[in-house]
Each structure stands twice: as C-alpha cells, then as structure tokens.
C-alpha cells in the first residue's frame, strides 16, 4: 500500500481554506497513485482551536468540510483530523477525531484517548476521552490509528492509566499511523523521533507519523513527519 503524508500549514478557524488545501493534496495523491493520504490532527479546523470549539456553528462548518472531503475520496483513502460530536448524554460534547474516508464512504472514526493537560495543552477541557479501540482494515492492511499523545505513554512511570497501542496490538495490526499536532520546542525534534522509534520497536510495527507546519497563536509547528520501520 502506498501511503502519503500531507504535512501542511493550517490556519485556525479557516475551515474552508484548510479544506481547499486538503482537497488539493488529495488530488495530487491520486495523480501519484497513492492508496492512502494522511493529514494531521484537527487539520480541518487548525490546531489548537481552543474556545472556537464552544461554538456550534464552528462544529457545523467542520462537518460540512468533512462531507466535502468524503465526496472527494473516490479511488483513494483519506485520513484526516477534525473535532466531532460525541453524542453522549453525559460528558464532553466533542471528541478529537480522525476520519477515514474511501470511495465516498466513512470507513472509520477514531477518537483520541489520551488528552494532555500539561504545558501548553488543555485538551480535556474540550474533548471526551475515547474508550473504544478498533483497527481499520484497508487495502490488505490492518491499521492502528492513533492521535498524537496516544503514542506518548511508554515511560516507566506512566502519566495515563491506559496505553492505546497496548489495546490495539491485540487486534494484530500490520501498521501504525499517528496524526499529530506537535509544536516545536528546544530538543523536541529529537525527543519526538526517539519516542516514535520506541513505539515502532515496542510493537514491532512500521509507523507513519504526520505533523503540521507553520505558526498558530504563540505556537510554532516544525513538521517532522516521518516513516519508521518495525526495527525503529
């Protein structure tokens, strides 16, 4: 399976502009005979959207954008990050999600499990935690899809009670894909690479990692999208 990582510069709140960029990359991926093109965490709305998530109209615009991308997914798989309604009677109204489209169908929606609340992150303020773990079957591969922080719980002293890949590995995936919104900080480039290498070696799976570039609010995003084989 041919996988393309689309590392783009998104603008927070410019849902229509971000969608235009995404659609252009989908077209380019089709022209290059790519099977699956992957975009970063919350690519639809830009990361981090913060209190824009509190506006119902903002979520509605994200939903319209997702439907446009779904329609464009003829003869290709598209994996893209966006907020989504949780539909829960109790708990947060939103998930931080990854939508998997192909041939104008929604194949899967994967929700983020680990929601950071340290440093510049405040995701638990807006999003509900995922507790359902399912791989996605596509083009003969079984894909373990995770979102950013979901791959960062490998320390001996764990910050979270659950490690998503420990659950997903039980379903015998053949590849890992991580959608990330990881900002730049000093030494973080090497730290990020080392952490992804550790995941690949721990689970003995190839790993595709996609991040964004550019600047949003006071944050810089340095990209660093990568592929790591199962040996790290």
Foldseek 3Di string as FASTA:
>chain_A
DAEAEDAAAAAAQPLVVLLVVVLVVLVVCVVVVGAEYEAAFQSNRDPPNPPVLVDPVSQVSSVVSVQVVLCSQENHKYKYWHWDAPPDPDAAGIFGWIFIHHRSDTQDIGGAADQDCDDPGNRSVHHDHDDDFAWTDDPNFTEGEHEACLLVQPDPPGPDPDRRVVVNVVVPGAAYEYHYADFDDPPVLVVVVVSVLCVLQVSLHKYWYWYYADDYDPTGHDINTDIDHSND
